[in-house]
Amino acid sequence: MDAIRILGGVPLTGEIVIGGAKNAALPLMAATLLTDQPLTLINMPELVDISTMSNLLRQHGARIDQSALAPGAGEAGATGRSMTLTSERITSVTAPYDLVRRMRASVLVLGPLLARMHEAKVSLPGGCAIGTRPVDLHLKALEALGAKIDVKGGYIHATAPGGLKGAKVVFPKVTVGGTENLLMAAALAAGDTVLENAAREPEIGNLADCLNAMGAEISGIGSGTLKIRGVKTLHGARVAVIPDRIETGTYAIAGAITRGRVTLKGTSFDLLDSVFSAMRQAGASVEQVEDGVVVSAEDGLNGIDVMTEPFPGFPTDMQAQWMALMATANGASMITETIFENRFMHVPELTRFGADVNVHGASAIIRGRKQLSGAPVMATDLRASSSLILAGLAAEGETLVNRIYHLDRGYERLEEKLGACGARIERIVGG
């Protein structure tokens, strides 16, 4: 099993190109199941989760062609790969446990399969162990569109013999995956659908724009109320994946936690306003420049309090990284986690660096230290992995991060990108 070795204490300086967003790319890939025509996605990241979704879609009958994209050749100067997905014929409506257990986003095939084939059998999903993330909100919303749902033997069996019908759906709590599944399902439902209390994340907007490019009629994009007028068929399209805001935030913190200066290319302040605003409040410099953001913290940082919230609030996917940053700031700070109930599993590992963190229910109190010390640590989930990398970059001495297969699900060429900015970091194969 691979590990990452870091010799910390080096201020990072340089440029990092931000890739396409994993959390946007996965639902865009699932959207291929809605049409028999080719869907081409530009600026695709090369990640384990993308490979997992590709394998799942092939199992449903999709054909997938990938190619490298020359820098600047794509929409909005995209530099990632292009992927063309064609689901001319759906050969199976079953998403098996062996594939779905590897990644929670696999449940996103449920809505499009049900909409196009009027039937779907999808294993209950897996993914990072960061707390209960039930799919009951997805299922109740699909039932409102006329689906019949039976959960048995670890599988969701959904049917809609007469097709889905438009309806008003009010989500009792914000759900990103539920909003994505319903957007895709409602695009081919008969009549109008209104989604109230819909998620507002940029990834939702990316999917809605993609569906509209495929011939859907969706309005209210970017708001908490989405209106979908169902159409009979969708066609192919060519769509760019938005920049990864969590990768953006992670590398922004890498610059700040090492008291360096990094330029993040191909991203924007607007994607991560809550995190950048918090960084400024803590004393970092964050400025928008042409085609990027410059982050520095050469004068040190002060602890501040944050609370995770649905977009546009502080993202739960940045909570672990923020904790690592606050562990190096002056004074005390507090993080309150409101999205997942089990997302402080990285705390015991951060304390191995000498971080002073105490958890009280849904909140963590962090008292900053002038210096962290390198240590052998073990990753528990995707974002926890990156928090340990960040702590290792700031720490004095050697850090060895084990179980980094989590990291490879969401960060592409991390060692290369950090190394180009001066980090002393290497992957140990089979470590």
Protein backbone atom coordinates (compact mmCIF):
# COMPACT_ATOMS: atom_id res chain seq x y z
CA MET A 1 0.00 0.00 0.00
CA ASP A 2 1.43 3.39 -1.01
CA ALA A 3 2.40 6.12 1.46
CA ILE A 4 3.53 9.73 1.15
CA ARG A 5 6.70 10.97 2.82
CA ILE A 6 7.14 14.67 3.60
CA LEU A 7 10.04 16.67 5.01
CA GLY A 8 8.20 19.74 6.22
CA GLY A 9 9.02 23.32 7.09
CA VAL A 10 9.45 24.69 3.54
CA PRO A 11 7.33 27.75 2.55
CA LEU A 12 5.62 26.93 -0.74
CA THR A 13 6.19 29.31 -3.65
CA GLY A 14 4.94 28.91 -7.20
CA GLU A 15 1.93 28.12 -9.36
CA ILE A 16 -0.54 25.24 -9.12
CA VAL A 17 -3.01 24.50 -11.90
CA ILE A 18 -6.43 23.52 -10.54
CA GLY A 19 -8.09 20.59 -12.27
CA GLY A 20 -11.70 19.81 -13.08
CA ALA A 21 -14.00 19.17 -10.13
CA LYS A 22 -14.51 15.53 -9.21
CA ASN A 23 -17.83 16.33 -7.58
CA ALA A 24 -19.03 18.01 -10.77
CA ALA A 25 -17.61 15.42 -13.17
CA LEU A 26 -19.32 12.41 -11.56
CA PRO A 27 -22.95 13.57 -12.02
CA LEU A 28 -22.08 14.86 -15.49
CA MET A 29 -20.87 11.38 -16.37
CA ALA A 30 -24.09 9.84 -15.03
CA ALA A 31 -26.08 12.18 -17.30
CA THR A 32 -24.92 10.12 -20.31
CA LEU A 33 -27.52 7.52 -19.32
CA LEU A 34 -30.26 10.01 -20.26
CA THR A 35 -29.49 10.01 -24.00
CA ASP A 36 -28.40 7.68 -26.79
CA GLN A 37 -26.19 10.41 -28.24
CA PRO A 38 -22.56 11.27 -27.34
CA LEU A 39 -21.88 13.51 -24.34
CA THR A 40 -18.39 15.06 -24.39
CA LEU A 41 -16.95 16.39 -21.15
CA ILE A 42 -13.97 18.76 -21.18
CA ASN A 43 -11.47 19.35 -18.34
CA MET A 44 -11.94 15.93 -16.78
CA PRO A 45 -9.68 15.04 -13.85
CA GLU A 46 -7.84 11.72 -13.79
CA LEU A 47 -8.86 10.19 -10.46
CA VAL A 48 -9.79 6.84 -8.97
CA ASP A 49 -13.42 7.94 -8.56
CA ILE A 50 -13.61 8.85 -12.25
CA SER A 51 -12.34 5.37 -13.14
CA THR A 52 -14.86 3.79 -10.78
CA MET A 53 -17.75 5.71 -12.36
CA SER A 54 -16.44 4.82 -15.84
CA ASN A 55 -16.48 1.13 -14.97
CA LEU A 56 -20.00 1.41 -13.59
CA LEU A 57 -21.28 3.19 -16.70
CA ARG A 58 -19.63 0.62 -18.98
CA GLN A 59 -21.47 -2.03 -17.02
CA HIS A 60 -24.72 -0.25 -17.98
CA GLY A 61 -23.68 -0.28 -21.64
CA ALA A 62 -21.90 3.04 -22.08
CA ARG A 63 -18.96 3.39 -24.42
CA ILE A 64 -16.28 5.76 -23.13
CA ASP A 65 -13.51 7.35 -25.18
CA GLN A 66 -10.83 9.50 -23.55
CA SER A 67 -8.19 11.78 -24.99
CA ALA A 68 -5.67 14.31 -23.72
CA LEU A 69 -6.49 17.96 -24.30
CA ALA A 70 -3.71 20.37 -25.16
CA PRO A 71 -3.34 23.30 -22.74
CA GLY A 72 -5.67 26.12 -23.68
CA ALA A 73 -7.48 24.02 -26.29
CA GLY A 74 -10.71 23.57 -24.40
CA GLU A 75 -13.54 25.79 -23.24
CA ALA A 76 -12.45 28.47 -20.77
CA GLY A 77 -8.82 27.44 -21.30
CA ALA A 78 -9.45 23.97 -19.87
CA THR A 79 -6.31 21.88 -19.69
CA GLY A 80 -7.63 18.51 -18.52
CA ARG A 81 -8.65 15.47 -20.51
CA SER A 82 -11.74 15.15 -22.63
CA MET A 83 -14.10 12.21 -22.28
CA THR A 84 -16.87 11.22 -24.67
CA LEU A 85 -19.56 8.95 -23.26
CA THR A 86 -22.15 7.27 -25.47
CA SER A 87 -25.01 5.22 -24.01
CA GLU A 88 -26.70 4.27 -27.26
CA ARG A 89 -28.21 1.18 -25.65
CA ILE A 90 -28.65 0.47 -21.95
CA THR A 91 -27.68 -3.17 -21.48
CA SER A 92 -28.30 -3.40 -17.73
CA VAL A 93 -30.35 -1.42 -15.21
CA THR A 94 -28.48 -2.97 -12.27
CA ALA A 95 -25.64 -1.17 -10.50
CA PRO A 96 -23.96 -3.99 -8.57
CA TYR A 97 -22.62 -3.86 -5.04
CA ASP A 98 -19.06 -4.61 -6.07
CA LEU A 99 -18.86 -1.31 -7.98
CA VAL A 100 -21.21 0.92 -5.97
CA ARG A 101 -19.59 0.10 -2.61
CA ARG A 102 -16.39 1.82 -3.73
CA MET A 103 -17.91 5.25 -4.20
CA ARG A 104 -21.03 6.90 -2.86
CA ALA A 105 -21.61 8.95 -6.03
CA SER A 106 -22.51 5.71 -7.82
CA VAL A 107 -26.07 6.20 -6.57
CA LEU A 108 -26.35 9.00 -9.16
CA VAL A 109 -27.18 6.43 -11.85
CA LEU A 110 -30.52 5.83 -10.10
CA GLY A 111 -32.34 8.92 -11.40
CA PRO A 112 -31.25 8.74 -15.05
CA LEU A 113 -31.83 4.97 -15.34
CA LEU A 114 -35.29 5.31 -13.87
CA ALA A 115 -36.11 8.24 -16.15
CA ARG A 116 -34.94 6.58 -19.36
CA MET A 117 -35.58 2.88 -18.71
CA HIS A 118 -38.39 3.19 -16.12
CA GLU A 119 -36.47 0.81 -13.89
CA ALA A 120 -33.26 0.78 -11.87
CA LYS A 121 -31.72 -1.60 -9.35
CA VAL A 122 -28.89 0.11 -7.50
CA SER A 123 -26.89 -1.17 -4.57
CA LEU A 124 -26.93 0.96 -1.45
CA PRO A 125 -23.81 3.13 -1.74
CA GLY A 126 -20.45 3.17 0.01
CA GLY A 127 -17.66 5.76 0.05
CA CYS A 128 -15.84 7.55 2.85
CA ALA A 129 -16.83 6.59 6.40
CA ILE A 130 -17.67 10.13 7.55
CA GLY A 131 -21.06 9.52 9.07
CA THR A 132 -24.54 8.54 8.03
CA ARG A 133 -25.47 9.84 4.60
CA PRO A 134 -28.82 8.18 3.92
CA VAL A 135 -30.34 8.12 0.46
CA ASP A 136 -33.88 8.25 1.83
CA LEU A 137 -34.22 11.87 0.62
CA HIS A 138 -33.46 10.69 -2.93
CA LEU A 139 -36.01 7.89 -2.68
CA LYS A 140 -38.85 9.95 -1.21
CA ALA A 141 -38.35 12.58 -3.89
CA LEU A 142 -38.43 9.96 -6.66
CA GLU A 143 -41.60 8.54 -5.14
CA ALA A 144 -43.14 12.01 -5.47
CA LEU A 145 -42.45 11.70 -9.22
CA GLY A 146 -44.38 8.42 -9.28
CA ALA A 147 -41.64 5.86 -8.75
CA LYS A 148 -42.27 2.72 -6.75
CA ILE A 149 -39.35 1.99 -4.45
CA ASP A 150 -38.45 -1.29 -2.78
CA VAL A 151 -35.31 -1.58 -0.66
CA LYS A 152 -34.38 -5.19 -0.11
CA GLY A 153 -31.20 -7.23 0.18
CA GLY A 154 -29.00 -4.16 0.11
CA TYR A 155 -30.45 -2.92 -3.20
CA ILE A 156 -32.78 -0.09 -4.19
CA HIS A 157 -35.25 -1.40 -6.76
CA ALA A 158 -37.12 1.48 -8.39
CA THR A 159 -39.77 1.16 -11.09
CA ALA A 160 -41.99 3.58 -13.00
CA PRO A 161 -43.86 1.49 -15.61
CA GLY A 162 -45.72 4.48 -17.01
CA GLY A 163 -42.77 6.83 -16.75
CA LEU A 164 -42.10 9.55 -14.20
CA LYS A 165 -44.52 12.45 -13.73
CA GLY A 166 -43.61 15.99 -12.76
CA ALA A 167 -44.38 17.06 -9.19
CA LYS A 168 -43.45 19.55 -6.50
CA VAL A 169 -40.70 18.22 -4.25
CA VAL A 170 -39.68 19.95 -1.03
CA PHE A 171 -36.45 18.58 0.41
CA PRO A 172 -36.64 18.58 4.23
CA LYS A 173 -32.90 19.29 4.29
CA VAL A 174 -30.41 20.30 1.64
CA THR A 175 -29.05 17.29 -0.24
CA VAL A 176 -26.54 17.66 -3.06
CA GLY A 177 -26.85 14.09 -4.34
CA GLY A 178 -30.62 14.17 -3.99
CA THR A 179 -30.84 17.39 -6.00
CA GLU A 180 -28.61 15.91 -8.71
CA ASN A 181 -30.59 12.68 -8.94
CA LEU A 182 -33.90 14.56 -9.15
CA LEU A 183 -32.62 17.02 -11.75
CA MET A 184 -31.71 14.14 -14.04
CA ALA A 185 -34.90 12.19 -13.36
CA ALA A 186 -37.17 15.22 -13.82
CA ALA A 187 -35.51 16.17 -17.11
CA LEU A 188 -37.35 13.25 -18.80
CA ALA A 189 -40.46 13.24 -16.58
CA ALA A 190 -43.82 14.19 -18.07
CA GLY A 191 -44.88 17.69 -17.03
CA ASP A 192 -43.30 20.22 -14.70
CA THR A 193 -41.23 19.55 -11.57
CA VAL A 194 -40.35 22.08 -8.89
CA LEU A 195 -37.52 21.31 -6.45
CA GLU A 196 -37.71 23.42 -3.29
CA ASN A 197 -34.80 23.73 -0.84
CA ALA A 198 -32.55 22.44 -3.62
CA ALA A 199 -28.77 22.44 -3.16
CA ARG A 200 -27.07 25.51 -4.60
CA GLU A 201 -23.50 24.22 -4.98
CA PRO A 202 -21.64 25.21 -8.17
CA GLU A 203 -21.58 21.52 -9.12
CA ILE A 204 -25.40 21.60 -9.24
CA GLY A 205 -25.23 24.54 -11.61
CA ASN A 206 -22.71 22.69 -13.79
CA LEU A 207 -25.09 19.72 -14.06
CA ALA A 208 -28.12 21.90 -14.77
CA ASP A 209 -26.23 23.77 -17.49
CA CYS A 210 -25.17 20.44 -18.98
CA LEU A 211 -28.72 19.14 -19.01
CA ASN A 212 -29.93 22.35 -20.66
CA ALA A 213 -27.22 21.94 -23.30
CA MET A 214 -28.65 18.46 -23.88
CA GLY A 215 -32.11 19.91 -24.47
CA ALA A 216 -33.60 20.03 -20.97
CA GLU A 217 -35.59 23.03 -19.74
CA ILE A 218 -34.30 23.99 -16.27
CA SER A 219 -34.61 27.42 -14.68
CA GLY A 220 -33.71 28.89 -11.30
CA ILE A 221 -30.10 27.69 -11.54
CA GLY A 222 -28.08 28.93 -8.57
CA SER A 223 -31.13 29.37 -6.36
CA GLY A 224 -32.87 27.11 -3.87
CA THR A 225 -35.83 26.60 -6.24
CA LEU A 226 -35.26 24.69 -9.47
CA LYS A 227 -37.99 24.37 -12.10
CA ILE A 228 -37.78 21.59 -14.65
CA ARG A 229 -40.10 21.21 -17.62
CA GLY A 230 -39.82 17.60 -18.73
CA VAL A 231 -38.94 16.76 -22.33
CA LYS A 232 -39.36 13.50 -24.22
CA THR A 233 -35.71 13.06 -25.25
CA LEU A 234 -32.32 14.61 -24.68
CA HIS A 235 -29.49 14.87 -27.18
CA GLY A 236 -25.71 14.99 -27.01
CA ALA A 237 -23.67 18.00 -25.94
CA ARG A 238 -20.16 19.27 -25.24
CA VAL A 239 -19.69 20.63 -21.70
CA ALA A 240 -16.74 21.85 -19.60
CA VAL A 241 -16.30 20.62 -16.01
CA ILE A 242 -15.92 23.52 -13.58
CA PRO A 243 -12.67 23.95 -11.58
CA ASP A 244 -12.43 21.92 -8.39
CA ARG A 245 -13.19 24.30 -5.51
CA ILE A 246 -12.04 21.79 -2.86
CA GLU A 247 -8.72 21.29 -4.61
CA THR A 248 -8.53 25.08 -4.84
CA GLY A 249 -9.11 25.44 -1.10
CA THR A 250 -6.71 22.66 -0.19
CA TYR A 251 -3.81 24.20 -2.12
CA ALA A 252 -4.71 27.68 -0.85
CA ILE A 253 -4.29 26.33 2.68
CA ALA A 254 -1.04 24.63 1.64
CA GLY A 255 0.33 28.04 0.77
CA ALA A 256 -0.94 29.61 3.98
CA ILE A 257 0.03 26.82 6.39
CA THR A 258 3.64 26.90 5.14
CA ARG A 259 3.63 30.72 5.30
CA GLY A 260 4.40 30.79 1.59
CA ARG A 261 2.86 32.33 -1.51
CA VAL A 262 1.07 30.31 -4.19
CA THR A 263 -0.83 31.22 -7.34
CA LEU A 264 -3.77 28.94 -8.09
CA LYS A 265 -4.37 28.95 -11.84
CA GLY A 266 -7.65 28.20 -13.59
CA THR A 267 -9.96 28.89 -10.65
CA SER A 268 -11.83 31.83 -9.13
CA PHE A 269 -12.59 33.47 -5.79
CA ASP A 270 -16.34 33.06 -6.33
CA LEU A 271 -16.17 29.26 -6.16
CA LEU A 272 -14.88 29.36 -2.59
CA ASP A 273 -15.88 32.75 -1.21
CA SER A 274 -16.59 31.45 2.30
CA VAL A 275 -13.15 29.85 2.72
CA PHE A 276 -11.24 32.74 1.17
CA SER A 277 -13.16 35.22 3.33
CA ALA A 278 -12.30 33.17 6.43
CA MET A 279 -8.64 33.08 5.38
CA ARG A 280 -8.60 36.85 5.03
CA GLN A 281 -10.22 37.20 8.45
CA ALA A 282 -7.47 34.97 9.87
CA GLY A 283 -4.81 37.25 8.40
CA ALA A 284 -3.93 35.65 5.06
CA SER A 285 -3.76 37.61 1.83
CA VAL A 286 -6.12 36.33 -0.88
CA GLU A 287 -6.47 38.21 -4.14
CA GLN A 288 -8.14 37.47 -7.45
CA VAL A 289 -5.88 37.82 -10.47
CA GLU A 290 -6.40 37.04 -14.13
CA ASP A 291 -7.23 33.31 -14.42
CA GLY A 292 -6.47 32.59 -10.79
CA VAL A 293 -6.10 33.43 -7.11
CA VAL A 294 -2.93 34.36 -5.19
CA VAL A 295 -2.69 33.27 -1.54
CA SER A 296 0.00 34.16 0.97
CA ALA A 297 0.39 34.21 4.75
CA GLU A 298 3.92 35.38 5.26
CA ASP A 299 2.99 37.41 8.37
CA GLY A 300 1.30 34.55 10.26
CA LEU A 301 -2.32 33.80 11.10
CA ASN A 302 -4.80 34.22 13.95
CA GLY A 303 -7.40 31.66 14.99
CA ILE A 304 -11.02 32.29 14.00
CA ASP A 305 -14.26 30.30 14.34
CA VAL A 306 -16.08 28.67 11.41
CA MET A 307 -19.21 26.55 10.99
CA THR A 308 -19.80 24.18 8.10
CA GLU A 309 -22.98 24.86 6.13
CA PRO A 310 -24.49 24.08 2.72
CA PHE A 311 -23.27 26.31 -0.10
CA PRO A 312 -22.63 29.25 -0.03
CA GLY A 313 -21.53 28.53 3.56
CA PHE A 314 -18.22 27.05 4.65
CA PRO A 315 -17.97 23.61 2.98
CA THR A 316 -17.76 20.47 5.09
CA ASP A 317 -15.21 19.17 2.56
CA MET A 318 -12.81 21.90 3.75
CA GLN A 319 -13.28 21.34 7.48
CA ALA A 320 -10.35 18.95 8.01
CA GLN A 321 -7.95 21.12 6.02
CA TRP A 322 -9.07 24.21 7.94
CA MET A 323 -8.41 22.43 11.22
CA ALA A 324 -4.81 21.75 10.16
CA LEU A 325 -4.39 25.45 9.34
CA MET A 326 -5.85 26.59 12.66
CA ALA A 327 -3.49 24.21 14.48
CA THR A 328 -0.67 26.55 13.34
CA ALA A 329 -2.47 29.87 14.01
CA ASN A 330 -2.08 32.21 16.99
CA GLY A 331 -4.72 31.76 19.69
CA ALA A 332 -7.78 29.56 19.85
CA SER A 333 -10.39 28.74 17.22
CA MET A 334 -13.50 26.59 16.97
CA ILE A 335 -14.95 24.52 14.15
CA THR A 336 -18.59 23.44 14.32
CA GLU A 337 -19.61 20.62 11.96
CA THR A 338 -23.30 20.73 11.01
CA ILE A 339 -23.33 18.47 7.92
CA PHE A 340 -21.92 15.10 9.05
CA GLU A 341 -21.90 13.73 12.58
CA ASN A 342 -18.71 11.69 12.28
CA ARG A 343 -16.30 13.97 10.49
CA PHE A 344 -13.71 14.54 13.22
CA MET A 345 -11.94 11.21 12.71
CA HIS A 346 -8.80 13.03 11.62
CA VAL A 347 -8.40 14.66 15.05
CA PRO A 348 -6.43 11.81 16.70
CA GLU A 349 -4.02 11.80 13.75
CA LEU A 350 -3.55 15.58 13.81
CA THR A 351 -2.72 15.41 17.51
CA ARG A 352 0.18 13.11 16.60
CA PHE A 353 1.77 16.22 15.05
CA GLY A 354 1.37 18.00 18.38
CA ALA A 355 -1.83 19.78 17.39
CA ASP A 356 -3.94 20.82 20.40
CA VAL A 357 -7.51 19.82 19.48
CA ASN A 358 -10.40 18.92 21.78
CA VAL A 359 -13.75 17.71 20.45
CA HIS A 360 -16.97 18.54 22.26
CA GLY A 361 -19.95 17.06 20.44
CA ALA A 362 -20.27 18.76 17.05
CA SER A 363 -17.51 21.28 17.78
CA ALA A 364 -13.73 21.14 17.95
CA ILE A 365 -11.61 23.62 19.89
CA ILE A 366 -8.14 24.19 18.42
CA ARG A 367 -5.35 26.00 20.25
CA GLY A 368 -2.65 26.95 17.82
CA ARG A 369 0.96 25.90 18.23
CA LYS A 370 4.02 27.72 16.94
CA GLN A 371 5.46 24.49 15.60
CA LEU A 372 4.08 21.08 14.66
CA SER A 373 6.34 18.02 14.58
CA GLY A 374 6.40 15.40 11.85
CA ALA A 375 4.91 11.99 12.65
CA PRO A 376 3.72 8.74 11.08
CA VAL A 377 -0.05 9.06 10.55
CA MET A 378 -2.90 7.18 8.90
CA ALA A 379 -5.64 8.65 6.70
CA THR A 380 -9.27 7.82 7.50
CA ASP A 381 -11.05 9.43 4.52
CA LEU A 382 -10.44 11.60 1.48
CA ARG A 383 -10.41 15.07 3.06
CA ALA A 384 -8.73 13.82 6.24
CA SER A 385 -5.91 12.61 3.98
CA SER A 386 -5.32 16.10 2.67
CA SER A 387 -5.38 17.60 6.19
CA LEU A 388 -2.54 15.26 7.17
CA ILE A 389 -0.56 16.23 4.07
CA LEU A 390 -1.04 19.91 4.99
CA ALA A 391 0.07 19.35 8.58
CA GLY A 392 3.10 17.46 7.30
CA LEU A 393 4.05 20.36 5.02
CA ALA A 394 4.07 22.72 8.01
CA ALA A 395 5.63 20.35 10.52
CA GLU A 396 9.28 20.16 11.46
CA GLY A 397 10.90 16.89 10.45
CA GLU A 398 9.56 13.84 8.62
CA THR A 399 5.94 12.83 8.17
CA LEU A 400 4.74 9.54 6.69
CA VAL A 401 1.08 9.48 5.62
CA ASN A 402 -0.24 5.93 5.25
CA ARG A 403 -3.40 4.63 3.52
CA ILE A 404 -3.29 7.32 0.86
CA TYR A 405 -5.63 5.41 -1.45
CA HIS A 406 -8.25 7.77 -0.05
CA LEU A 407 -6.24 10.71 -1.37
CA ASP A 408 -6.09 9.30 -4.89
CA ARG A 409 -9.88 9.39 -5.06
CA GLY A 410 -9.92 13.19 -5.10
CA TYR A 411 -6.49 14.72 -5.82
CA GLU A 412 -4.65 14.36 -9.10
CA ARG A 413 -0.83 14.45 -9.12
CA LEU A 414 -0.73 16.00 -5.65
CA GLU A 415 2.96 15.25 -5.04
CA GLU A 416 3.90 16.73 -8.41
CA LYS A 417 1.90 19.91 -7.87
CA LEU A 418 3.24 20.50 -4.37
CA GLY A 419 6.77 19.51 -5.35
CA ALA A 420 6.78 22.13 -8.11
CA CYS A 421 6.25 24.75 -5.38
CA GLY A 422 9.20 23.55 -3.33
CA ALA A 423 7.63 20.91 -1.10
CA ARG A 424 9.90 18.02 -0.17
CA ILE A 425 7.38 15.29 -0.84
CA GLU A 426 7.48 11.85 -2.43
CA ARG A 427 5.29 8.82 -2.89
CA ILE A 428 6.60 5.56 -1.48
CA VAL A 429 5.15 2.73 -3.53
CA GLY A 430 4.12 -0.20 -1.40
CA GLY A 431 4.91 1.75 1.79
